[in-house]
Amino acid sequence: TPQGGVMSPLLANLFLHYAFDLWMRRTYPHRRFERYADDAIVHC
């Protein structure tokens, strides 16, 4: 989805909500993270 489109940031967040955020919550519930669009860090 092209960077610069009005919909792209929302669609990117929706994709990573399932691909990363919810997966982290299920797989590593005690590992905290911050995600800003596609830029993310995980604390260990």
PDB file of all heavy atoms in Angstrom:
ATOM      1  N   THR A   1       0.875  -1.171   0.000  1.00  0.00           N
ATOM      2  CA  THR A   1       0.000   0.000   0.000  1.00  0.00           C
ATOM      3  C   THR A   1       0.912   1.221   0.000  1.00  0.00           C
ATOM      4  O   THR A   1       1.855   1.283   0.794  1.00  0.00           O
ATOM      5  CB  THR A   1      -0.960   0.007   1.209  1.00  0.00           C
ATOM      6  OG1 THR A   1      -1.753   1.187   1.211  1.00  0.00           O
ATOM      7  CG2 THR A   1      -0.230  -0.105   2.525  1.00  0.00           C
ATOM      8  N   PRO A   2       0.707   2.169  -0.904  1.00  0.00           N
ATOM      9  CA  PRO A   2       1.696   3.236  -1.096  1.00  0.00           C
ATOM     10  C   PRO A   2       1.810   4.177   0.103  1.00  0.00           C
ATOM     11  O   PRO A   2       0.804   4.650   0.628  1.00  0.00           O
ATOM     12  CB  PRO A   2       1.181   3.981  -2.329  1.00  0.00           C
ATOM     13  CG  PRO A   2      -0.278   3.677  -2.386  1.00  0.00           C
ATOM     14  CD  PRO A   2      -0.429   2.301  -1.835  1.00  0.00           C
ATOM     15  N   GLN A   3       3.049   4.431   0.529  1.00  0.00           N
ATOM     16  CA  GLN A   3       3.286   5.463   1.526  1.00  0.00           C
ATOM     17  C   GLN A   3       2.932   6.808   0.919  1.00  0.00           C
ATOM     18  O   GLN A   3       3.412   7.158  -0.151  1.00  0.00           O
ATOM     19  CB  GLN A   3       4.746   5.455   1.965  1.00  0.00           C
ATOM     20  CG  GLN A   3       5.106   4.348   2.916  1.00  0.00           C
ATOM     21  CD  GLN A   3       6.541   4.446   3.391  1.00  0.00           C
ATOM     22  OE1 GLN A   3       7.446   3.936   2.757  1.00  0.00           O
ATOM     23  NE2 GLN A   3       6.750   5.092   4.509  1.00  0.00           N
ATOM     24  N   GLY A   4       2.099   7.542   1.599  1.00  0.00           N
ATOM     25  CA  GLY A   4       1.631   8.815   1.077  1.00  0.00           C
ATOM     26  C   GLY A   4       0.133   8.829   0.873  1.00  0.00           C
ATOM     27  O   GLY A   4      -0.484   9.883   0.788  1.00  0.00           O
ATOM     28  N   GLY A   5      -0.469   7.641   0.807  1.00  0.00           N
ATOM     29  CA  GLY A   5      -1.921   7.562   0.686  1.00  0.00           C
ATOM     30  C   GLY A   5      -2.599   7.845   2.015  1.00  0.00           C
ATOM     31  O   GLY A   5      -2.055   7.553   3.079  1.00  0.00           O
ATOM     32  N   VAL A   6      -3.797   8.393   1.959  1.00  0.00           N
ATOM     33  CA  VAL A   6      -4.547   8.719   3.175  1.00  0.00           C
ATOM     34  C   VAL A   6      -4.873   7.458   3.969  1.00  0.00           C
ATOM     35  O   VAL A   6      -4.804   7.436   5.203  1.00  0.00           O
ATOM     36  CB  VAL A   6      -5.840   9.481   2.816  1.00  0.00           C
ATOM     37  CG1 VAL A   6      -6.727   9.673   4.041  1.00  0.00           C
ATOM     38  CG2 VAL A   6      -5.500  10.839   2.195  1.00  0.00           C
ATOM     39  N   MET A   7      -5.209   6.376   3.279  1.00  0.00           N
ATOM     40  CA  MET A   7      -5.609   5.140   3.942  1.00  0.00           C
ATOM     41  C   MET A   7      -4.432   4.309   4.434  1.00  0.00           C
ATOM     42  O   MET A   7      -4.588   3.468   5.324  1.00  0.00           O
ATOM     43  CB  MET A   7      -6.447   4.279   2.986  1.00  0.00           C
ATOM     44  CG  MET A   7      -7.871   4.733   2.768  1.00  0.00           C
ATOM     45  SD  MET A   7      -8.867   4.647   4.269  1.00  0.00           S
ATOM     46  CE  MET A   7      -8.744   2.912   4.675  1.00  0.00           C
ATOM     47  N   SER A   8      -3.257   4.523   3.864  1.00  0.00           N
ATOM     48  CA  SER A   8      -2.127   3.616   4.114  1.00  0.00           C
ATOM     49  C   SER A   8      -1.756   3.470   5.588  1.00  0.00           C
ATOM     50  O   SER A   8      -1.548   2.347   6.062  1.00  0.00           O
ATOM     51  CB  SER A   8      -0.912   4.051   3.297  1.00  0.00           C
ATOM     52  OG  SER A   8      -1.155   3.862   1.927  1.00  0.00           O
ATOM     53  N   PRO A   9      -1.631   4.566   6.369  1.00  0.00           N
ATOM     54  CA  PRO A   9      -1.265   4.386   7.778  1.00  0.00           C
ATOM     55  C   PRO A   9      -2.278   3.545   8.564  1.00  0.00           C
ATOM     56  O   PRO A   9      -1.892   2.702   9.379  1.00  0.00           O
ATOM     57  CB  PRO A   9      -1.205   5.817   8.313  1.00  0.00           C
ATOM     58  CG  PRO A   9      -0.931   6.668   7.110  1.00  0.00           C
ATOM     59  CD  PRO A   9      -1.668   5.998   5.995  1.00  0.00           C
ATOM     60  N   LEU A  10      -3.575   3.769   8.306  1.00  0.00           N
ATOM     61  CA  LEU A  10      -4.592   2.991   9.014  1.00  0.00           C
ATOM     62  C   LEU A  10      -4.539   1.527   8.605  1.00  0.00           C
ATOM     63  O   LEU A  10      -4.619   0.628   9.454  1.00  0.00           O
ATOM     64  CB  LEU A  10      -5.986   3.577   8.736  1.00  0.00           C
ATOM     65  CG  LEU A  10      -7.166   2.860   9.399  1.00  0.00           C
ATOM     66  CD1 LEU A  10      -7.038   2.892  10.923  1.00  0.00           C
ATOM     67  CD2 LEU A  10      -8.490   3.492   8.965  1.00  0.00           C
ATOM     68  N   LEU A  11      -4.380   1.263   7.319  1.00  0.00           N
ATOM     69  CA  LEU A  11      -4.295  -0.116   6.854  1.00  0.00           C
ATOM     70  C   LEU A  11      -3.041  -0.804   7.379  1.00  0.00           C
ATOM     71  O   LEU A  11      -3.072  -1.984   7.731  1.00  0.00           O
ATOM     72  CB  LEU A  11      -4.318  -0.159   5.324  1.00  0.00           C
ATOM     73  CG  LEU A  11      -5.611   0.322   4.660  1.00  0.00           C
ATOM     74  CD1 LEU A  11      -5.484   0.293   3.147  1.00  0.00           C
ATOM     75  CD2 LEU A  11      -6.807  -0.515   5.115  1.00  0.00           C
ATOM     76  N   ALA A  12      -1.932  -0.056   7.457  1.00  0.00           N
ATOM     77  CA  ALA A  12      -0.695  -0.618   8.007  1.00  0.00           C
ATOM     78  C   ALA A  12      -0.873  -0.982   9.476  1.00  0.00           C
ATOM     79  O   ALA A  12      -0.428  -2.051   9.928  1.00  0.00           O
ATOM     80  CB  ALA A  12       0.446   0.380   7.845  1.00  0.00           C
ATOM     81  N   ASN A  13      -1.516  -0.105  10.236  1.00  0.00           N
ATOM     82  CA  ASN A  13      -1.768  -0.402  11.644  1.00  0.00           C
ATOM     83  C   ASN A  13      -2.681  -1.611  11.807  1.00  0.00           C
ATOM     84  O   ASN A  13      -2.480  -2.446  12.701  1.00  0.00           O
ATOM     85  CB  ASN A  13      -2.397   0.820  12.330  1.00  0.00           C
ATOM     86  CG  ASN A  13      -1.366   1.764  12.902  1.00  0.00           C
ATOM     87  OD1 ASN A  13      -0.248   1.363  13.231  1.00  0.00           O
ATOM     88  ND2 ASN A  13      -1.720   3.024  13.040  1.00  0.00           N
ATOM     89  N   LEU A  14      -3.693  -1.713  10.947  1.00  0.00           N
ATOM     90  CA  LEU A  14      -4.605  -2.857  11.022  1.00  0.00           C
ATOM     91  C   LEU A  14      -3.859  -4.155  10.711  1.00  0.00           C
ATOM     92  O   LEU A  14      -4.049  -5.174  11.389  1.00  0.00           O
ATOM     93  CB  LEU A  14      -5.762  -2.658  10.045  1.00  0.00           C
ATOM     94  CG  LEU A  14      -6.826  -3.761  10.016  1.00  0.00           C
ATOM     95  CD1 LEU A  14      -7.467  -3.943  11.394  1.00  0.00           C
ATOM     96  CD2 LEU A  14      -7.885  -3.451   8.960  1.00  0.00           C
ATOM     97  N   PHE A  15      -2.995  -4.127   9.708  1.00  0.00           N
ATOM     98  CA  PHE A  15      -2.218  -5.322   9.351  1.00  0.00           C
ATOM     99  C   PHE A  15      -1.311  -5.740  10.506  1.00  0.00           C
ATOM    100  O   PHE A  15      -1.291  -6.910  10.906  1.00  0.00           O
ATOM    101  CB  PHE A  15      -1.394  -5.044   8.098  1.00  0.00           C
ATOM    102  CG  PHE A  15      -0.732  -6.262   7.535  1.00  0.00           C
ATOM    103  CD1 PHE A  15      -1.344  -7.003   6.531  1.00  0.00           C
ATOM    104  CD2 PHE A  15       0.514  -6.679   7.990  1.00  0.00           C
ATOM    105  CE1 PHE A  15      -0.731  -8.143   6.010  1.00  0.00           C
ATOM    106  CE2 PHE A  15       1.128  -7.809   7.474  1.00  0.00           C
ATOM    107  CZ  PHE A  15       0.502  -8.542   6.483  1.00  0.00           C
ATOM    108  N   LEU A  16      -0.560  -4.792  11.067  1.00  0.00           N
ATOM    109  CA  LEU A  16       0.381  -5.125  12.141  1.00  0.00           C
ATOM    110  C   LEU A  16      -0.326  -5.404  13.464  1.00  0.00           C
ATOM    111  O   LEU A  16       0.256  -6.035  14.349  1.00  0.00           O
ATOM    112  CB  LEU A  16       1.400  -4.000  12.309  1.00  0.00           C
ATOM    113  CG  LEU A  16       2.473  -3.945  11.214  1.00  0.00           C
ATOM    114  CD1 LEU A  16       3.362  -2.728  11.389  1.00  0.00           C
ATOM    115  CD2 LEU A  16       3.316  -5.222  11.214  1.00  0.00           C
ATOM    116  N   HIS A  17      -1.562  -4.958  13.603  1.00  0.00           N
ATOM    117  CA  HIS A  17      -2.344  -5.312  14.790  1.00  0.00           C
ATOM    118  C   HIS A  17      -2.466  -6.825  14.899  1.00  0.00           C
ATOM    119  O   HIS A  17      -2.329  -7.393  15.994  1.00  0.00           O
ATOM    120  CB  HIS A  17      -3.725  -4.665  14.695  1.00  0.00           C
ATOM    121  CG  HIS A  17      -4.664  -5.073  15.783  1.00  0.00           C
ATOM    122  ND1 HIS A  17      -4.480  -4.725  17.102  1.00  0.00           N
ATOM    123  CD2 HIS A  17      -5.803  -5.835  15.747  1.00  0.00           C
ATOM    124  CE1 HIS A  17      -5.459  -5.218  17.837  1.00  0.00           C
ATOM    125  NE2 HIS A  17      -6.272  -5.910  17.046  1.00  0.00           N
ATOM    126  N   TYR A  18      -2.693  -7.472  13.764  1.00  0.00           N
ATOM    127  CA  TYR A  18      -2.807  -8.935  13.762  1.00  0.00           C
ATOM    128  C   TYR A  18      -1.450  -9.617  13.574  1.00  0.00           C
ATOM    129  O   TYR A  18      -1.169 -10.637  14.209  1.00  0.00           O
ATOM    130  CB  TYR A  18      -3.781  -9.381  12.660  1.00  0.00           C
ATOM    131  CG  TYR A  18      -5.218  -9.088  13.011  1.00  0.00           C
ATOM    132  CD1 TYR A  18      -5.866  -7.977  12.481  1.00  0.00           C
ATOM    133  CD2 TYR A  18      -5.909  -9.889  13.901  1.00  0.00           C
ATOM    134  CE1 TYR A  18      -7.186  -7.689  12.814  1.00  0.00           C
ATOM    135  CE2 TYR A  18      -7.228  -9.609  14.249  1.00  0.00           C
ATOM    136  CZ  TYR A  18      -7.858  -8.509  13.704  1.00  0.00           C
ATOM    137  OH  TYR A  18      -9.150  -8.211  14.060  1.00  0.00           O
ATOM    138  N   ALA A  19      -0.612  -9.055  12.712  1.00  0.00           N
ATOM    139  CA  ALA A  19       0.666  -9.708  12.411  1.00  0.00           C
ATOM    140  C   ALA A  19       1.647  -9.626  13.572  1.00  0.00           C
ATOM    141  O   ALA A  19       2.463 -10.537  13.761  1.00  0.00           O
ATOM    142  CB  ALA A  19       1.296  -9.077  11.166  1.00  0.00           C
ATOM    143  N   PHE A  20       1.556  -8.554  14.372  1.00  0.00           N
ATOM    144  CA  PHE A  20       2.554  -8.352  15.424  1.00  0.00           C
ATOM    145  C   PHE A  20       1.935  -8.135  16.811  1.00  0.00           C
ATOM    146  O   PHE A  20       2.213  -8.896  17.747  1.00  0.00           O
ATOM    147  CB  PHE A  20       3.457  -7.167  15.071  1.00  0.00           C
ATOM    148  CG  PHE A  20       4.524  -6.886  16.095  1.00  0.00           C
ATOM    149  CD1 PHE A  20       5.643  -7.703  16.183  1.00  0.00           C
ATOM    150  CD2 PHE A  20       4.409  -5.825  16.989  1.00  0.00           C
ATOM    151  CE1 PHE A  20       6.634  -7.467  17.138  1.00  0.00           C
ATOM    152  CE2 PHE A  20       5.388  -5.573  17.933  1.00  0.00           C
ATOM    153  CZ  PHE A  20       6.497  -6.391  18.007  1.00  0.00           C
ATOM    154  N   ASP A  21       1.093  -7.130  16.963  1.00  0.00           N
ATOM    155  CA  ASP A  21       0.632  -6.723  18.296  1.00  0.00           C
ATOM    156  C   ASP A  21      -0.092  -7.852  19.032  1.00  0.00           C
ATOM    157  O   ASP A  21       0.265  -8.193  20.168  1.00  0.00           O
ATOM    158  CB  ASP A  21      -0.296  -5.501  18.194  1.00  0.00           C
ATOM    159  CG  ASP A  21       0.395  -4.297  17.563  1.00  0.00           C
ATOM    160  OD1 ASP A  21       1.620  -4.345  17.372  1.00  0.00           O
ATOM    161  OD2 ASP A  21      -0.300  -3.307  17.263  1.00  0.00           O
ATOM    162  N   LEU A  22      -1.129  -8.405  18.407  1.00  0.00           N
ATOM    163  CA  LEU A  22      -1.888  -9.472  19.071  1.00  0.00           C
ATOM    164  C   LEU A  22      -1.050 -10.735  19.219  1.00  0.00           C
ATOM    165  O   LEU A  22      -1.182 -11.470  20.202  1.00  0.00           O
ATOM    166  CB  LEU A  22      -3.171  -9.771  18.294  1.00  0.00           C
ATOM    167  CG  LEU A  22      -4.255  -8.697  18.335  1.00  0.00           C
ATOM    168  CD1 LEU A  22      -5.538  -9.225  17.698  1.00  0.00           C
ATOM    169  CD2 LEU A  22      -4.544  -8.249  19.768  1.00  0.00           C
ATOM    170  N   TRP A  23      -0.200 -10.980  18.238  1.00  0.00           N
ATOM    171  CA  TRP A  23       0.696 -12.143  18.334  1.00  0.00           C
ATOM    172  C   TRP A  23       1.635 -11.996  19.530  1.00  0.00           C
ATOM    173  O   TRP A  23       1.863 -12.961  20.275  1.00  0.00           O
ATOM    174  CB  TRP A  23       1.488 -12.284  17.045  1.00  0.00           C
ATOM    175  CG  TRP A  23       2.479 -13.406  17.064  1.00  0.00           C
ATOM    176  CD1 TRP A  23       2.248 -14.726  16.784  1.00  0.00           C
ATOM    177  CD2 TRP A  23       3.868 -13.305  17.409  1.00  0.00           C
ATOM    178  NE1 TRP A  23       3.402 -15.456  16.933  1.00  0.00           N
ATOM    179  CE2 TRP A  23       4.423 -14.612  17.310  1.00  0.00           C
ATOM    180  CE3 TRP A  23       4.690 -12.259  17.784  1.00  0.00           C
ATOM    181  CZ2 TRP A  23       5.757 -14.878  17.583  1.00  0.00           C
ATOM    182  CZ3 TRP A  23       6.028 -12.516  18.045  1.00  0.00           C
ATOM    183  CH2 TRP A  23       6.557 -13.807  17.943  1.00  0.00           C
ATOM    184  N   MET A  24       2.188 -10.811  19.742  1.00  0.00           N
ATOM    185  CA  MET A  24       3.051 -10.575  20.900  1.00  0.00           C
ATOM    186  C   MET A  24       2.280 -10.774  22.203  1.00  0.00           C
ATOM    187  O   MET A  24       2.798 -11.366  23.166  1.00  0.00           O
ATOM    188  CB  MET A  24       3.624  -9.161  20.854  1.00  0.00           C
ATOM    189  CG  MET A  24       4.806  -8.974  19.929  1.00  0.00           C
ATOM    190  SD  MET A  24       6.309  -9.840  20.486  1.00  0.00           S
ATOM    191  CE  MET A  24       6.660  -8.986  22.034  1.00  0.00           C
ATOM    192  N   ARG A  25       1.047 -10.290  22.216  1.00  0.00           N
ATOM    193  CA  ARG A  25       0.233 -10.428  23.437  1.00  0.00           C
ATOM    194  C   ARG A  25      -0.005 -11.906  23.754  1.00  0.00           C
ATOM    195  O   ARG A  25       0.013 -12.306  24.923  1.00  0.00           O
ATOM    196  CB  ARG A  25      -1.095  -9.696  23.249  1.00  0.00           C
ATOM    197  CG  ARG A  25      -2.021  -9.777  24.454  1.00  0.00           C
ATOM    198  CD  ARG A  25      -3.299  -8.992  24.190  1.00  0.00           C
ATOM    199  NE  ARG A  25      -3.083  -7.553  24.331  1.00  0.00           N
ATOM    200  CZ  ARG A  25      -3.976  -6.632  23.999  1.00  0.00           C
ATOM    201  NH1 ARG A  25      -5.133  -7.001  23.462  1.00  0.00           N
ATOM    202  NH2 ARG A  25      -3.716  -5.356  24.179  1.00  0.00           N
ATOM    203  N   ARG A  26      -0.219 -12.727  22.725  1.00  0.00           N
ATOM    204  CA  ARG A  26      -0.443 -14.155  22.944  1.00  0.00           C
ATOM    205  C   ARG A  26       0.843 -14.896  23.264  1.00  0.00           C
ATOM    206  O   ARG A  26       0.886 -15.744  24.161  1.00  0.00           O
ATOM    207  CB  ARG A  26      -1.074 -14.799  21.691  1.00  0.00           C
ATOM    208  CG  ARG A  26      -2.465 -14.376  21.358  1.00  0.00           C
ATOM    209  CD  ARG A  26      -3.067 -15.304  20.296  1.00  0.00           C
ATOM    210  NE  ARG A  26      -2.198 -15.439  19.122  1.00  0.00           N
ATOM    211  CZ  ARG A  26      -2.268 -14.667  18.041  1.00  0.00           C
ATOM    212  NH1 ARG A  26      -3.160 -13.694  17.990  1.00  0.00           N
ATOM    213  NH2 ARG A  26      -1.457 -14.878  17.011  1.00  0.00           N
ATOM    214  N   THR A  27       1.910 -14.608  22.510  1.00  0.00           N
ATOM    215  CA  THR A  27       3.135 -15.405  22.563  1.00  0.00           C
ATOM    216  C   THR A  27       4.075 -14.972  23.681  1.00  0.00           C
ATOM    217  O   THR A  27       4.694 -15.807  24.350  1.00  0.00           O
ATOM    218  CB  THR A  27       3.868 -15.331  21.212  1.00  0.00           C
ATOM    219  OG1 THR A  27       2.940 -15.592  20.155  1.00  0.00           O
ATOM    220  CG2 THR A  27       5.001 -16.344  21.148  1.00  0.00           C
ATOM    221  N   TYR A  28       4.186 -13.655  23.884  1.00  0.00           N
ATOM    222  CA  TYR A  28       5.070 -13.108  24.919  1.00  0.00           C
ATOM    223  C   TYR A  28       4.298 -12.070  25.747  1.00  0.00           C
ATOM    224  O   TYR A  28       4.550 -10.862  25.655  1.00  0.00           O
ATOM    225  CB  TYR A  28       6.309 -12.465  24.289  1.00  0.00           C
ATOM    226  CG  TYR A  28       7.214 -13.446  23.593  1.00  0.00           C
ATOM    227  CD1 TYR A  28       7.177 -13.593  22.210  1.00  0.00           C
ATOM    228  CD2 TYR A  28       8.105 -14.240  24.322  1.00  0.00           C
ATOM    229  CE1 TYR A  28       8.006 -14.502  21.565  1.00  0.00           C
ATOM    230  CE2 TYR A  28       8.937 -15.155  23.685  1.00  0.00           C
ATOM    231  CZ  TYR A  28       8.880 -15.281  22.315  1.00  0.00           C
ATOM    232  OH  TYR A  28       9.713 -16.191  21.695  1.00  0.00           O
ATOM    233  N   PRO A  29       3.329 -12.533  26.530  1.00  0.00           N
ATOM    234  CA  PRO A  29       2.462 -11.593  27.256  1.00  0.00           C
ATOM    235  C   PRO A  29       3.202 -10.711  28.253  1.00  0.00           C
ATOM    236  O   PRO A  29       2.687  -9.643  28.621  1.00  0.00           O
ATOM    237  CB  PRO A  29       1.457 -12.517  27.968  1.00  0.00           C
ATOM    238  CG  PRO A  29       2.150 -13.845  28.055  1.00  0.00           C
ATOM    239  CD  PRO A  29       2.991 -13.942  26.825  1.00  0.00           C
ATOM    240  N   HIS A  30       4.389 -11.117  28.692  1.00  0.00           N
ATOM    241  CA  HIS A  30       5.133 -10.333  29.685  1.00  0.00           C
ATOM    242  C   HIS A  30       6.234  -9.473  29.053  1.00  0.00           C
ATOM    243  O   HIS A  30       6.949  -8.775  29.769  1.00  0.00           O
ATOM    244  CB  HIS A  30       5.737 -11.260  30.742  1.00  0.00           C
ATOM    245  CG  HIS A  30       4.720 -12.107  31.441  1.00  0.00           C
ATOM    246  ND1 HIS A  30       3.699 -11.569  32.201  1.00  0.00           N
ATOM    247  CD2 HIS A  30       4.548 -13.461  31.478  1.00  0.00           C
ATOM    248  CE1 HIS A  30       2.950 -12.547  32.687  1.00  0.00           C
ATOM    249  NE2 HIS A  30       3.447 -13.702  32.263  1.00  0.00           N
ATOM    250  N   ARG A  31       6.369  -9.535  27.738  1.00  0.00           N
ATOM    251  CA  ARG A  31       7.383  -8.722  27.068  1.00  0.00           C
ATOM    252  C   ARG A  31       6.728  -7.454  26.518  1.00  0.00           C
ATOM    253  O   ARG A  31       5.836  -7.509  25.678  1.00  0.00           O
ATOM    254  CB  ARG A  31       8.041  -9.499  25.924  1.00  0.00           C
ATOM    255  CG  ARG A  31       8.934 -10.635  26.360  1.00  0.00           C
ATOM    256  CD  ARG A  31      10.102 -10.183  27.215  1.00  0.00           C
ATOM    257  NE  ARG A  31       9.825 -10.347  28.652  1.00  0.00           N
ATOM    258  CZ  ARG A  31      10.093  -9.459  29.563  1.00  0.00           C
ATOM    259  NH1 ARG A  31      10.638  -8.308  29.245  1.00  0.00           N
ATOM    260  NH2 ARG A  31       9.813  -9.682  30.825  1.00  0.00           N
ATOM    261  N   ARG A  32       7.158  -6.328  27.032  1.00  0.00           N
ATOM    262  CA  ARG A  32       6.569  -5.060  26.613  1.00  0.00           C
ATOM    263  C   ARG A  32       7.246  -4.537  25.342  1.00  0.00           C
ATOM    264  O   ARG A  32       8.417  -4.820  25.095  1.00  0.00           O
ATOM    265  CB  ARG A  32       6.687  -4.037  27.748  1.00  0.00           C
ATOM    266  CG  ARG A  32       5.903  -4.459  28.992  1.00  0.00           C
ATOM    267  CD  ARG A  32       6.133  -3.545  30.157  1.00  0.00           C
ATOM    268  NE  ARG A  32       7.519  -3.546  30.596  1.00  0.00           N
ATOM    269  CZ  ARG A  32       7.975  -2.830  31.617  1.00  0.00           C
ATOM    270  NH1 ARG A  32       7.156  -2.046  32.292  1.00  0.00           N
ATOM    271  NH2 ARG A  32       9.251  -2.890  31.959  1.00  0.00           N
ATOM    272  N   PHE A  33       6.502  -3.778  24.577  1.00  0.00           N
ATOM    273  CA  PHE A  33       7.032  -3.224  23.329  1.00  0.00           C
ATOM    274  C   PHE A  33       6.386  -1.875  23.064  1.00  0.00           C
ATOM    275  O   PHE A  33       5.359  -1.511  23.661  1.00  0.00           O
ATOM    276  CB  PHE A  33       6.778  -4.184  22.155  1.00  0.00           C
ATOM    277  CG  PHE A  33       5.323  -4.340  21.778  1.00  0.00           C
ATOM    278  CD1 PHE A  33       4.723  -3.466  20.875  1.00  0.00           C
ATOM    279  CD2 PHE A  33       4.556  -5.361  22.327  1.00  0.00           C
ATOM    280  CE1 PHE A  33       3.389  -3.603  20.541  1.00  0.00           C
ATOM    281  CE2 PHE A  33       3.210  -5.508  21.994  1.00  0.00           C
ATOM    282  CZ  PHE A  33       2.633  -4.625  21.101  1.00  0.00           C
ATOM    283  N   GLU A  34       7.009  -1.118  22.153  1.00  0.00           N
ATOM    284  CA  GLU A  34       6.416   0.087  21.588  1.00  0.00           C
ATOM    285  C   GLU A  34       6.500  -0.044  20.073  1.00  0.00           C
ATOM    286  O   GLU A  34       7.536  -0.447  19.545  1.00  0.00           O
ATOM    287  CB  GLU A  34       7.138   1.374  22.015  1.00  0.00           C
ATOM    288  CG  GLU A  34       7.044   1.673  23.505  1.00  0.00           C
ATOM    289  CD  GLU A  34       8.095   0.913  24.294  1.00  0.00           C
ATOM    290  OE1 GLU A  34       9.235   0.767  23.791  1.00  0.00           O
ATOM    291  OE2 GLU A  34       7.775   0.434  25.402  1.00  0.00           O
ATOM    292  N   ARG A  35       5.410   0.303  19.411  1.00  0.00           N
ATOM    293  CA  ARG A  35       5.409   0.276  17.952  1.00  0.00           C
ATOM    294  C   ARG A  35       4.898   1.612  17.431  1.00  0.00           C
ATOM    295  O   ARG A  35       3.849   2.085  17.844  1.00  0.00           O
ATOM    296  CB  ARG A  35       4.536  -0.868  17.412  1.00  0.00           C
ATOM    297  CG  ARG A  35       4.537  -0.912  15.874  1.00  0.00           C
ATOM    298  CD  ARG A  35       3.786  -2.123  15.343  1.00  0.00           C
ATOM    299  NE  ARG A  35       2.356  -2.088  15.643  1.00  0.00           N
ATOM    300  CZ  ARG A  35       1.466  -1.360  14.962  1.00  0.00           C
ATOM    301  NH1 ARG A  35       1.845  -0.568  13.980  1.00  0.00           N
ATOM    302  NH2 ARG A  35       0.191  -1.406  15.291  1.00  0.00           N
ATOM    303  N   TYR A  36       5.677   2.210  16.533  1.00  0.00           N
ATOM    304  CA  TYR A  36       5.251   3.418  15.833  1.00  0.00           C
ATOM    305  C   TYR A  36       5.228   3.090  14.350  1.00  0.00           C
ATOM    306  O   TYR A  36       6.269   3.008  13.705  1.00  0.00           O
ATOM    307  CB  TYR A  36       6.195   4.587  16.127  1.00  0.00           C
ATOM    308  CG  TYR A  36       5.660   5.905  15.611  1.00  0.00           C
ATOM    309  CD1 TYR A  36       4.784   6.660  16.383  1.00  0.00           C
ATOM    310  CD2 TYR A  36       5.992   6.363  14.346  1.00  0.00           C
ATOM    311  CE1 TYR A  36       4.268   7.846  15.916  1.00  0.00           C
ATOM    312  CE2 TYR A  36       5.474   7.549  13.860  1.00  0.00           C
ATOM    313  CZ  TYR A  36       4.617   8.288  14.651  1.00  0.00           C
ATOM    314  OH  TYR A  36       4.091   9.475  14.174  1.00  0.00           O
ATOM    315  N   ALA A  37       4.030   2.827  13.818  1.00  0.00           N
ATOM    316  CA  ALA A  37       3.860   2.340  12.446  1.00  0.00           C
ATOM    317  C   ALA A  37       4.663   1.039  12.298  1.00  0.00           C
ATOM    318  O   ALA A  37       4.435   0.095  13.061  1.00  0.00           O
ATOM    319  CB  ALA A  37       4.271   3.404  11.434  1.00  0.00           C
ATOM    320  N   ASP A  38       5.630   0.979  11.387  1.00  0.00           N
ATOM    321  CA  ASP A  38       6.398  -0.259  11.201  1.00  0.00           C
ATOM    322  C   ASP A  38       7.710  -0.247  11.974  1.00  0.00           C
ATOM    323  O   ASP A  38       8.547  -1.133  11.789  1.00  0.00           O
ATOM    324  CB  ASP A  38       6.668  -0.507   9.718  1.00  0.00           C
ATOM    325  CG  ASP A  38       7.470   0.620   9.075  1.00  0.00           C
ATOM    326  OD1 ASP A  38       7.297   1.783   9.493  1.00  0.00           O
ATOM    327  OD2 ASP A  38       8.253   0.356   8.149  1.00  0.00           O
ATOM    328  N   ASP A  39       7.896   0.728  12.838  1.00  0.00           N
ATOM    329  CA  ASP A  39       9.112   0.844  13.656  1.00  0.00           C
ATOM    330  C   ASP A  39       8.781   0.359  15.070  1.00  0.00           C
ATOM    331  O   ASP A  39       7.950   0.970  15.753  1.00  0.00           O
ATOM    332  CB  ASP A  39       9.565   2.303  13.666  1.00  0.00           C
ATOM    333  CG  ASP A  39      10.963   2.480  14.238  1.00  0.00           C
ATOM    334  OD1 ASP A  39      11.603   1.466  14.567  1.00  0.00           O
ATOM    335  OD2 ASP A  39      11.410   3.635  14.353  1.00  0.00           O
ATOM    336  N   ALA A  40       9.422  -0.731  15.513  1.00  0.00           N
ATOM    337  CA  ALA A  40       9.069  -1.327  16.804  1.00  0.00           C
ATOM    338  C   ALA A  40      10.305  -1.760  17.570  1.00  0.00           C
ATOM    339  O   ALA A  40      11.327  -2.118  16.981  1.00  0.00           O
ATOM    340  CB  ALA A  40       8.127  -2.523  16.602  1.00  0.00           C
ATOM    341  N   ILE A  41      10.190  -1.716  18.903  1.00  0.00           N
ATOM    342  CA  ILE A  41      11.228  -2.248  19.779  1.00  0.00           C
ATOM    343  C   ILE A  41      10.564  -3.110  20.849  1.00  0.00           C
ATOM    344  O   ILE A  41       9.443  -2.833  21.283  1.00  0.00           O
ATOM    345  CB  ILE A  41      12.062  -1.126  20.446  1.00  0.00           C
ATOM    346  CG1 ILE A  41      11.160  -0.164  21.224  1.00  0.00           C
ATOM    347  CG2 ILE A  41      12.881  -0.374  19.412  1.00  0.00           C
ATOM    348  CD1 ILE A  41      11.934   0.868  22.028  1.00  0.00           C
ATOM    349  N   VAL A  42      11.256  -4.181  21.258  1.00  0.00           N
ATOM    350  CA  VAL A  42      10.759  -5.098  22.290  1.00  0.00           C
ATOM    351  C   VAL A  42      11.772  -5.132  23.421  1.00  0.00           C
ATOM    352  O   VAL A  42      12.981  -5.281  23.183  1.00  0.00           O
ATOM    353  CB  VAL A  42      10.552  -6.517  21.730  1.00  0.00           C
ATOM    354  CG1 VAL A  42      10.002  -7.439  22.818  1.00  0.00           C
ATOM    355  CG2 VAL A  42       9.611  -6.493  20.527  1.00  0.00           C
ATOM    356  N   HIS A  43      11.307  -5.022  24.659  1.00  0.00           N
ATOM    357  CA  HIS A  43      12.182  -4.991  25.835  1.00  0.00           C
ATOM    358  C   HIS A  43      12.314  -6.398  26.419  1.00  0.00           C
ATOM    359  O   HIS A  43      11.319  -7.098  26.609  1.00  0.00           O
ATOM    360  CB  HIS A  43      11.604  -4.042  26.895  1.00  0.00           C
ATOM    361  CG  HIS A  43      11.411  -2.647  26.387  1.00  0.00           C
ATOM    362  ND1 HIS A  43      12.386  -1.685  26.439  1.00  0.00           N
ATOM    363  CD2 HIS A  43      10.335  -2.055  25.787  1.00  0.00           C
ATOM    364  CE1 HIS A  43      11.928  -0.557  25.914  1.00  0.00           C
ATOM    365  NE2 HIS A  43      10.691  -0.750  25.509  1.00  0.00           N
ATOM    366  N   CYS A  44      13.556  -6.783  26.718  1.00  0.00           N
ATOM    367  CA  CYS A  44      13.826  -8.126  27.236  1.00  0.00           C
ATOM    368  C   CYS A  44      14.718  -8.043  28.475  1.00  0.00           C
ATOM    369  O   CYS A  44      15.469  -7.087  28.659  1.00  0.00           O
ATOM    370  CB  CYS A  44      14.503  -8.984  26.167  1.00  0.00           C
ATOM    371  SG  CYS A  44      13.498  -9.231  24.674  1.00  0.00           S
TER     372      CYS A  44
END
